[in-house]
Amino acid sequence: MNDTRLSASVAFFSAETSADDVAGDALTKLRADLGGDPHLLLVYAAGAVDVAPVLRSLRRRTDAKIAGGTSARGLLGSRAIDGPIVGLFAIRDVDGAFGVGTESLATGGARLAGATAARRSAADAGRTGELPALVWICSAPGDEEHVLVGVGEVYGPHAPIVGGSSADDFVQGHWRQLARDQVFDDHVVVVTMHTTARVETALQCGYEPTEKSWLATRVEGRSLLALDGEPAFESWRRAAAVDEADSTSLLAASTFHPLGRPYTSSEGTRHFILVHPAAQVAGGGMSLFARAEEGQELVLMRGTPDSLVGRAARVAEEVKEMTEVTPDRIRGALVVFCAGCRFAIEDRMEEVAASLARVLPGVPLLGVFTFGEQGCPSPGGAQHANLMVSVTLFADSDPQWRSA
């Protein structure tokens, strides 16, 4: 193995395995696959897992930078793996540099937390002032838009920011963020990656627009109160043809009928950033899991179980083409998949994993299920969205690309 080339590997362990065995067995496998010690470990846990002892054991055994979070109900690898489970995505890149930074959202708000975590991460990588190949983030859900503003203040408007909000199995606030040997419930974790590999990523929705659209005429924070001057909830319910009985469970009903914020790509194509209605609020409005802006066009979107099953593979195929390399030169993959979409197609997750494996055969892959997805789908920079999927690929870069 060429020791200077980026390599990646994954390992998955049941929560029934002791922390020391998870750490020891994982590092034995990863070192064998990588040809040496990892430089970065992304650690994700799903289900009833006490991950703190695992982190402490890993820290005793490796100098790798460690970060991650919790995923809803399981993880993705070469197959769909239900929790309780621990998954590790490892990178070895001798000529790369990696850093981890954290900050509490309670210290001074989301924007300051994002900026502070990003500065600490850049300093930890020893590359302050340089544009990374990738910025990976994991935040407690709630104010991700301002987290992204803060992160962008450090890395600039063109930084490739990707990630997903930490999640739990039943939306009960049990989400956690992980860094080094610590476990948090209200933090932002930022991972800086300077790699020798080519890194390509895409964030997409996979839903179809309907002909129905409105202007958001009254918005307060993440509460959408009026559409075209009418109460937002009833306007949405009628257009989506959701029965009043079903509307009591708005979260599930709106998974297939979210709102889309349109944007135009650099190629002139119209795309959408999804916003997931969460609950009816007083006055006829509804709360959202991402912000809408007053005066903004919102389009009623439509999804189906089949479209949700197939979209991760479609995005992976697109990103694979973006790498401009042969499939055997793709070294690793990270997938962020909305937890709400997972909940809606729970019995078909093996199909999702199988379709990804067909597009990325033999590629080490870690997929996480999140309560919010972050990426750079538009020329406007990083965005926070719902019900989305992102795929990030690490590929051998040819000398022409690396010197560009």
Protein backbone atom coordinates (compact mmCIF):
# COMPACT_ATOMS: atom_id res chain seq x y z
CA MET A 1 0.00 0.00 0.00
CA ASN A 2 1.20 3.53 -0.84
CA ASP A 3 1.54 5.00 2.65
CA THR A 4 1.04 8.60 1.49
CA ARG A 5 -2.31 7.93 -0.20
CA LEU A 6 -5.54 8.51 1.73
CA SER A 7 -7.17 5.27 2.82
CA ALA A 8 -10.45 4.72 4.65
CA SER A 9 -12.14 1.89 6.47
CA VAL A 10 -15.22 1.21 8.58
CA ALA A 11 -16.02 -0.99 11.57
CA PHE A 12 -19.34 -1.74 13.28
CA PHE A 13 -19.89 -3.28 16.70
CA SER A 14 -22.93 -4.31 18.72
CA ALA A 15 -23.62 -2.45 21.94
CA GLU A 16 -23.46 -5.81 23.70
CA THR A 17 -19.69 -5.78 23.16
CA SER A 18 -17.66 -4.28 26.00
CA ALA A 19 -16.16 -0.83 25.46
CA ASP A 20 -12.60 -2.13 25.58
CA ASP A 21 -13.42 -4.89 23.12
CA VAL A 22 -15.10 -2.41 20.75
CA ALA A 23 -12.09 -0.10 20.85
CA GLY A 24 -9.50 -2.85 20.68
CA ASP A 25 -11.19 -4.90 17.98
CA ALA A 26 -12.07 -1.82 15.94
CA LEU A 27 -8.54 -0.47 15.95
CA THR A 28 -7.09 -3.88 15.10
CA LYS A 29 -9.36 -4.11 12.05
CA LEU A 30 -8.90 -0.49 11.02
CA ARG A 31 -5.11 -0.59 11.30
CA ALA A 32 -5.00 -3.72 9.18
CA ASP A 33 -7.24 -2.15 6.53
CA LEU A 34 -5.45 1.21 6.56
CA GLY A 35 -1.89 -0.04 6.73
CA GLY A 36 -1.22 1.88 9.94
CA ASP A 37 -2.79 4.08 12.58
CA PRO A 38 -5.81 6.21 11.61
CA HIS A 39 -5.54 9.99 11.72
CA LEU A 40 -9.30 10.60 12.05
CA LEU A 41 -12.08 8.53 13.61
CA LEU A 42 -15.71 9.50 13.08
CA VAL A 43 -17.68 7.61 15.73
CA TYR A 44 -21.48 7.31 15.57
CA ALA A 45 -23.78 5.43 17.93
CA ALA A 46 -27.44 4.46 17.58
CA GLY A 47 -29.87 3.07 20.11
CA ALA A 48 -29.27 2.50 23.80
CA VAL A 49 -25.48 2.75 23.72
CA ASP A 50 -23.26 4.08 26.50
CA VAL A 51 -20.67 5.48 24.12
CA ALA A 52 -18.55 7.36 26.68
CA PRO A 53 -16.53 4.27 27.74
CA VAL A 54 -15.89 3.48 24.08
CA LEU A 55 -14.49 6.97 23.49
CA ARG A 56 -12.29 6.76 26.57
CA SER A 57 -10.93 3.40 25.48
CA LEU A 58 -10.24 4.68 21.98
CA ARG A 59 -8.40 7.70 23.38
CA ARG A 60 -6.13 5.43 25.41
CA ARG A 61 -5.26 3.40 22.33
CA THR A 62 -4.84 5.92 19.52
CA ASP A 63 -3.74 9.48 18.81
CA ALA A 64 -6.37 9.83 16.07
CA LYS A 65 -8.69 12.83 16.20
CA ILE A 66 -12.11 11.58 17.37
CA ALA A 67 -15.53 13.15 16.72
CA GLY A 68 -19.09 12.12 15.93
CA GLY A 69 -22.60 11.93 17.29
CA THR A 70 -25.74 9.85 17.61
CA SER A 71 -27.89 8.49 14.80
CA ALA A 72 -31.59 7.55 14.81
CA ARG A 73 -32.36 3.82 15.14
CA GLY A 74 -29.34 2.53 13.27
CA LEU A 75 -26.52 3.11 10.81
CA LEU A 76 -25.76 2.34 7.17
CA GLY A 77 -22.80 0.31 6.01
CA SER A 78 -22.73 -2.36 3.33
CA ARG A 79 -26.14 -3.17 4.82
CA ALA A 80 -28.66 -1.41 7.07
CA ILE A 81 -27.76 -2.02 10.71
CA ASP A 82 -30.34 -1.47 13.44
CA GLY A 83 -29.30 -0.14 16.83
CA PRO A 84 -27.98 -0.48 19.38
CA ILE A 85 -24.76 -0.19 17.37
CA VAL A 86 -21.48 1.71 17.23
CA GLY A 87 -19.93 2.58 13.85
CA LEU A 88 -16.48 3.98 13.13
CA PHE A 89 -15.29 5.61 9.89
CA ALA A 90 -11.50 5.90 9.85
CA ILE A 91 -9.18 7.90 7.62
CA ARG A 92 -5.42 7.54 7.33
CA ASP A 93 -3.73 10.30 5.35
CA VAL A 94 -0.04 10.79 6.16
CA ASP A 95 0.18 14.11 4.33
CA GLY A 96 -3.23 15.33 5.51
CA ALA A 97 -4.23 17.26 8.62
CA PHE A 98 -7.31 16.92 10.81
CA GLY A 99 -8.75 18.93 13.68
CA VAL A 100 -11.70 18.79 16.08
CA GLY A 101 -13.30 21.75 17.84
CA THR A 102 -16.33 22.03 20.11
CA GLU A 103 -18.43 24.65 21.86
CA SER A 104 -21.69 24.69 23.82
CA LEU A 105 -24.73 26.30 22.25
CA ALA A 106 -25.59 27.66 25.70
CA THR A 107 -22.41 29.72 26.04
CA GLY A 108 -23.30 32.58 23.74
CA GLY A 109 -25.76 31.29 21.18
CA ALA A 110 -25.52 29.20 18.03
CA ARG A 111 -23.58 31.66 15.87
CA LEU A 112 -20.82 32.11 18.45
CA ALA A 113 -20.74 28.36 19.13
CA GLY A 114 -20.28 27.62 15.44
CA ALA A 115 -17.50 30.17 15.08
CA THR A 116 -15.71 29.09 18.26
CA ALA A 117 -15.86 25.39 17.39
CA ALA A 118 -14.61 26.13 13.88
CA ARG A 119 -11.67 28.22 15.10
CA ARG A 120 -10.69 25.51 17.57
CA SER A 121 -10.97 22.86 14.88
CA ALA A 122 -8.80 24.81 12.43
CA ALA A 123 -6.19 25.41 15.14
CA ASP A 124 -6.25 21.74 16.14
CA ALA A 125 -5.46 20.83 12.53
CA GLY A 126 -2.61 23.34 12.47
CA ARG A 127 -4.08 24.94 9.35
CA THR A 128 -5.66 28.19 10.55
CA GLY A 129 -6.47 30.43 7.59
CA GLU A 130 -6.44 27.64 5.02
CA LEU A 131 -9.48 26.32 3.16
CA PRO A 132 -10.09 22.65 4.10
CA ALA A 133 -11.07 19.90 1.71
CA LEU A 134 -14.09 19.28 3.94
CA VAL A 135 -15.70 20.68 7.09
CA TRP A 136 -17.84 18.07 8.87
CA ILE A 137 -20.26 19.27 11.53
CA CYS A 138 -22.49 17.63 14.12
CA SER A 139 -24.73 19.89 16.19
CA ALA A 140 -27.56 19.50 18.63
CA PRO A 141 -30.74 20.29 16.67
CA GLY A 142 -32.54 23.60 17.07
CA ASP A 143 -30.63 26.51 15.54
CA GLU A 144 -28.43 25.06 12.83
CA GLU A 145 -28.82 28.08 10.53
CA HIS A 146 -26.93 30.29 12.97
CA VAL A 147 -24.36 27.55 13.62
CA LEU A 148 -23.60 27.61 9.89
CA VAL A 149 -23.27 31.38 9.91
CA GLY A 150 -20.66 31.12 12.64
CA VAL A 151 -18.76 28.32 10.93
CA GLY A 152 -18.81 30.30 7.68
CA GLU A 153 -17.31 33.32 9.41
CA VAL A 154 -14.20 31.25 10.10
CA TYR A 155 -13.81 29.26 6.88
CA GLY A 156 -15.32 31.73 4.42
CA PRO A 157 -18.28 31.49 2.03
CA HIS A 158 -16.77 28.81 -0.20
CA ALA A 159 -15.95 26.21 2.45
CA PRO A 160 -17.38 22.75 1.68
CA ILE A 161 -19.48 22.25 4.83
CA VAL A 162 -21.34 18.96 5.28
CA GLY A 163 -23.00 17.27 8.22
CA GLY A 164 -26.11 16.29 10.07
CA SER A 165 -27.75 17.19 13.35
CA SER A 166 -27.46 14.55 16.05
CA ALA A 167 -30.56 12.41 16.50
CA ASP A 168 -32.20 9.81 18.72
CA ASP A 169 -34.66 6.99 18.19
CA PHE A 170 -37.95 8.64 19.19
CA VAL A 171 -37.42 12.45 19.15
CA GLN A 172 -37.05 12.55 22.93
CA GLY A 173 -34.00 14.79 23.25
CA HIS A 174 -31.55 11.94 23.78
CA TRP A 175 -29.28 13.08 20.93
CA ARG A 176 -25.58 13.45 21.70
CA GLN A 177 -22.47 14.97 20.14
CA LEU A 178 -19.08 13.31 20.55
CA ALA A 179 -15.54 14.72 20.60
CA ARG A 180 -12.32 13.16 21.88
CA ASP A 181 -13.46 11.26 25.00
CA GLN A 182 -16.42 13.52 25.82
CA VAL A 183 -20.17 13.23 25.24
CA PHE A 184 -22.36 16.37 25.00
CA ASP A 185 -26.05 17.12 24.55
CA ASP A 186 -25.93 20.83 23.59
CA HIS A 187 -22.74 21.28 21.58
CA VAL A 188 -21.46 21.97 18.12
CA VAL A 189 -18.67 19.67 16.94
CA VAL A 190 -16.65 20.78 13.91
CA VAL A 191 -14.15 18.53 12.13
CA THR A 192 -11.60 20.10 9.78
CA MET A 193 -10.23 17.82 7.06
CA HIS A 194 -7.24 18.74 4.91
CA THR A 195 -6.75 15.69 2.71
CA THR A 196 -4.59 14.56 -0.17
CA ALA A 197 -7.70 13.01 -1.68
CA ARG A 198 -10.24 14.65 -3.89
CA VAL A 199 -13.44 15.26 -1.90
CA GLU A 200 -16.78 15.72 -3.65
CA THR A 201 -20.18 16.08 -2.04
CA ALA A 202 -23.81 16.81 -2.89
CA LEU A 203 -26.97 17.52 -0.87
CA GLN A 204 -30.28 16.79 -2.60
CA CYS A 205 -33.96 16.43 -1.82
CA GLY A 206 -35.32 13.69 -4.10
CA TYR A 207 -38.86 15.10 -3.95
CA GLU A 208 -40.95 16.44 -6.84
CA PRO A 209 -42.51 19.92 -6.84
CA THR A 210 -46.26 20.22 -7.24
CA GLU A 211 -47.99 23.12 -8.96
CA LYS A 212 -49.00 24.64 -5.62
CA SER A 213 -46.90 27.43 -4.17
CA TRP A 214 -47.32 30.33 -1.75
CA LEU A 215 -45.47 33.29 -0.35
CA ALA A 216 -44.56 33.08 3.31
CA THR A 217 -46.31 36.19 4.59
CA ARG A 218 -45.76 35.82 8.33
CA VAL A 219 -42.84 34.06 9.99
CA GLU A 220 -41.55 34.12 13.55
CA GLY A 221 -38.31 32.20 14.00
CA ARG A 222 -39.06 28.66 12.92
CA SER A 223 -42.82 29.16 13.08
CA LEU A 224 -44.58 29.66 9.75
CA LEU A 225 -47.78 31.50 10.63
CA ALA A 226 -49.28 32.59 7.31
CA LEU A 227 -49.11 31.60 3.64
CA ASP A 228 -50.50 34.16 1.19
CA GLY A 229 -52.03 35.88 4.20
CA GLU A 230 -53.98 32.79 5.32
CA PRO A 231 -53.28 30.53 8.33
CA ALA A 232 -50.36 28.36 7.26
CA PHE A 233 -51.44 25.04 8.71
CA GLU A 234 -54.86 24.90 7.08
CA SER A 235 -53.46 26.17 3.76
CA TRP A 236 -50.86 23.42 3.76
CA ARG A 237 -53.31 20.73 4.94
CA ARG A 238 -55.82 21.43 2.18
CA ALA A 239 -53.19 21.58 -0.55
CA ALA A 240 -51.51 18.37 0.65
CA ALA A 241 -54.91 16.63 0.92
CA VAL A 242 -54.14 15.53 4.46
CA ASP A 243 -57.23 14.39 6.38
CA GLU A 244 -58.00 16.33 9.53
CA ALA A 245 -57.66 13.09 11.50
CA ASP A 246 -54.18 12.52 10.05
CA SER A 247 -53.16 16.11 10.71
CA THR A 248 -52.97 15.37 14.43
CA SER A 249 -49.77 13.53 13.55
CA LEU A 250 -48.36 16.32 11.41
CA LEU A 251 -44.79 15.08 11.62
CA ALA A 252 -45.57 11.82 9.84
CA ALA A 253 -48.07 13.30 7.39
CA SER A 254 -45.71 16.05 6.27
CA THR A 255 -42.82 13.68 5.56
CA PHE A 256 -44.28 13.04 2.10
CA HIS A 257 -45.64 16.61 1.69
CA PRO A 258 -42.96 19.05 2.88
CA LEU A 259 -42.34 22.58 1.72
CA GLY A 260 -39.57 23.43 -0.72
CA ARG A 261 -37.49 26.60 -0.85
CA PRO A 262 -36.53 26.96 -4.52
CA TYR A 263 -33.11 28.03 -5.73
CA THR A 264 -31.40 28.13 -9.11
CA SER A 265 -28.15 26.25 -9.56
CA SER A 266 -25.12 27.67 -11.31
CA GLU A 267 -26.26 25.69 -14.38
CA GLY A 268 -29.63 27.47 -14.30
CA THR A 269 -31.60 24.47 -13.03
CA ARG A 270 -34.32 24.91 -10.42
CA HIS A 271 -33.79 22.86 -7.25
CA PHE A 272 -35.30 22.80 -3.76
CA ILE A 273 -34.18 22.90 -0.16
CA LEU A 274 -36.77 21.08 1.95
CA VAL A 275 -38.44 22.33 5.12
CA HIS A 276 -40.30 19.81 7.28
CA PRO A 277 -43.45 21.00 9.11
CA ALA A 278 -43.25 19.75 12.69
CA ALA A 279 -46.40 20.68 14.63
CA GLN A 280 -49.45 22.92 14.57
CA VAL A 281 -49.06 26.04 16.70
CA ALA A 282 -51.49 28.56 18.15
CA GLY A 283 -53.08 30.92 15.67
CA GLY A 284 -53.22 28.41 12.84
CA GLY A 285 -49.53 28.28 12.06
CA MET A 286 -47.04 25.45 12.17
CA SER A 287 -43.56 25.04 13.52
CA LEU A 288 -40.77 23.95 11.19
CA PHE A 289 -37.49 22.09 11.57
CA ALA A 290 -35.76 24.73 9.42
CA ARG A 291 -36.35 28.41 8.84
CA ALA A 292 -38.43 30.06 6.16
CA GLU A 293 -38.14 33.76 5.40
CA GLU A 294 -40.99 36.23 5.00
CA GLY A 295 -41.59 36.98 1.34
CA GLN A 296 -39.99 33.70 0.29
CA GLU A 297 -41.70 31.39 -2.18
CA LEU A 298 -42.58 28.01 -0.71
CA VAL A 299 -43.58 25.13 -2.97
CA LEU A 300 -45.60 22.11 -1.89
CA MET A 301 -43.42 19.06 -2.57
CA ARG A 302 -44.37 15.43 -3.03
CA GLY A 303 -42.43 12.29 -2.16
CA THR A 304 -43.17 8.57 -2.28
CA PRO A 305 -41.67 5.57 -0.50
CA ASP A 306 -40.04 4.49 -3.76
CA SER A 307 -38.45 7.90 -4.31
CA LEU A 308 -37.03 7.90 -0.77
CA VAL A 309 -35.64 4.39 -1.17
CA GLY A 310 -33.81 5.18 -4.40
CA ARG A 311 -32.52 8.68 -3.86
CA ALA A 312 -29.36 7.95 -1.83
CA ALA A 313 -28.04 5.80 -4.68
CA ARG A 314 -28.97 8.49 -7.21
CA VAL A 315 -27.01 11.10 -5.28
CA ALA A 316 -24.09 8.69 -4.89
CA GLU A 317 -24.06 8.11 -8.65
CA GLU A 318 -23.97 11.85 -9.27
CA VAL A 319 -21.14 12.44 -6.81
CA LYS A 320 -19.21 9.49 -8.25
CA GLU A 321 -19.33 11.20 -11.64
CA MET A 322 -18.14 14.45 -10.02
CA THR A 323 -14.96 12.75 -8.77
CA GLU A 324 -13.91 12.10 -12.39
CA VAL A 325 -12.08 8.94 -11.37
CA THR A 326 -12.68 5.25 -11.94
CA PRO A 327 -14.72 3.54 -9.21
CA ASP A 328 -11.71 1.61 -7.90
CA ARG A 329 -10.12 4.94 -6.89
CA ILE A 330 -12.96 5.92 -4.53
CA ARG A 331 -11.58 5.37 -1.04
CA GLY A 332 -14.52 6.09 1.27
CA ALA A 333 -18.07 7.44 1.54
CA LEU A 334 -20.07 9.33 4.15
CA VAL A 335 -23.87 9.41 3.81
CA VAL A 336 -26.24 11.68 5.73
CA PHE A 337 -29.85 10.48 5.50
CA CYS A 338 -32.77 12.27 7.14
CA ALA A 339 -34.10 10.32 10.12
CA GLY A 340 -37.67 11.33 9.30
CA CYS A 341 -37.31 9.68 5.90
CA ARG A 342 -35.86 6.59 7.55
CA PHE A 343 -38.88 6.43 9.88
CA ALA A 344 -41.19 6.60 6.85
CA ILE A 345 -39.51 3.68 5.03
CA GLU A 346 -38.30 1.71 8.05
CA ASP A 347 -39.04 -1.68 6.48
CA ARG A 348 -37.13 -0.85 3.28
CA MET A 349 -33.75 0.27 4.62
CA GLU A 350 -32.07 -2.88 3.30
CA GLU A 351 -33.08 -1.73 -0.19
CA VAL A 352 -31.41 1.62 0.46
CA ALA A 353 -28.20 -0.08 1.57
CA ALA A 354 -28.25 -2.51 -1.36
CA SER A 355 -28.71 0.29 -3.89
CA LEU A 356 -25.78 2.20 -2.40
CA ALA A 357 -23.63 -0.94 -2.50
CA ARG A 358 -24.39 -1.34 -6.21
CA VAL A 359 -23.24 2.21 -6.94
CA LEU A 360 -20.23 2.06 -4.59
CA PRO A 361 -19.17 -1.61 -4.59
CA GLY A 362 -16.59 -2.38 -1.94
CA VAL A 363 -16.29 1.26 -0.81
CA PRO A 364 -16.03 1.72 2.98
CA LEU A 365 -19.25 3.58 3.85
CA LEU A 366 -20.79 5.03 6.98
CA GLY A 367 -24.31 6.41 6.83
CA VAL A 368 -26.04 8.26 9.66
CA PHE A 369 -29.69 9.20 10.24
CA THR A 370 -30.04 12.81 11.35
CA PHE A 371 -32.53 15.43 12.56
CA GLY A 372 -31.38 18.00 10.00
CA GLU A 373 -28.98 17.95 7.10
CA GLN A 374 -26.33 20.52 6.23
CA GLY A 375 -24.51 21.00 2.95
CA CYS A 376 -23.81 23.36 0.07
CA PRO A 377 -26.50 22.71 -2.54
CA SER A 378 -26.62 26.25 -3.92
CA PRO A 379 -24.25 29.08 -4.86
CA GLY A 380 -25.31 30.81 -1.63
CA GLY A 381 -23.13 28.56 0.51
CA ALA A 382 -23.96 26.14 3.30
CA GLN A 383 -27.63 25.53 4.09
CA HIS A 384 -29.60 23.73 6.78
CA ALA A 385 -32.46 21.60 5.49
CA ASN A 386 -34.77 18.72 6.35
CA LEU A 387 -35.69 15.42 4.69
CA MET A 388 -32.54 15.55 2.56
CA VAL A 389 -29.68 13.20 1.77
CA SER A 390 -26.02 13.99 1.23
CA VAL A 391 -23.21 11.82 -0.09
CA THR A 392 -19.53 12.68 0.32
CA LEU A 393 -16.84 10.71 -1.48
CA PHE A 394 -13.09 10.61 -0.92
CA ALA A 395 -11.22 9.68 -4.11
CA ASP A 396 -7.62 9.37 -5.24
CA SER A 397 -6.74 12.63 -6.94
CA ASP A 398 -4.60 12.62 -10.05
CA PRO A 399 -1.60 14.98 -10.15
CA GLN A 400 -3.44 17.31 -12.52
CA TRP A 401 -6.31 17.83 -10.07
CA ARG A 402 -4.08 18.07 -6.99
CA SER A 403 -2.02 20.90 -8.47
CA ALA A 404 -5.03 22.81 -9.78
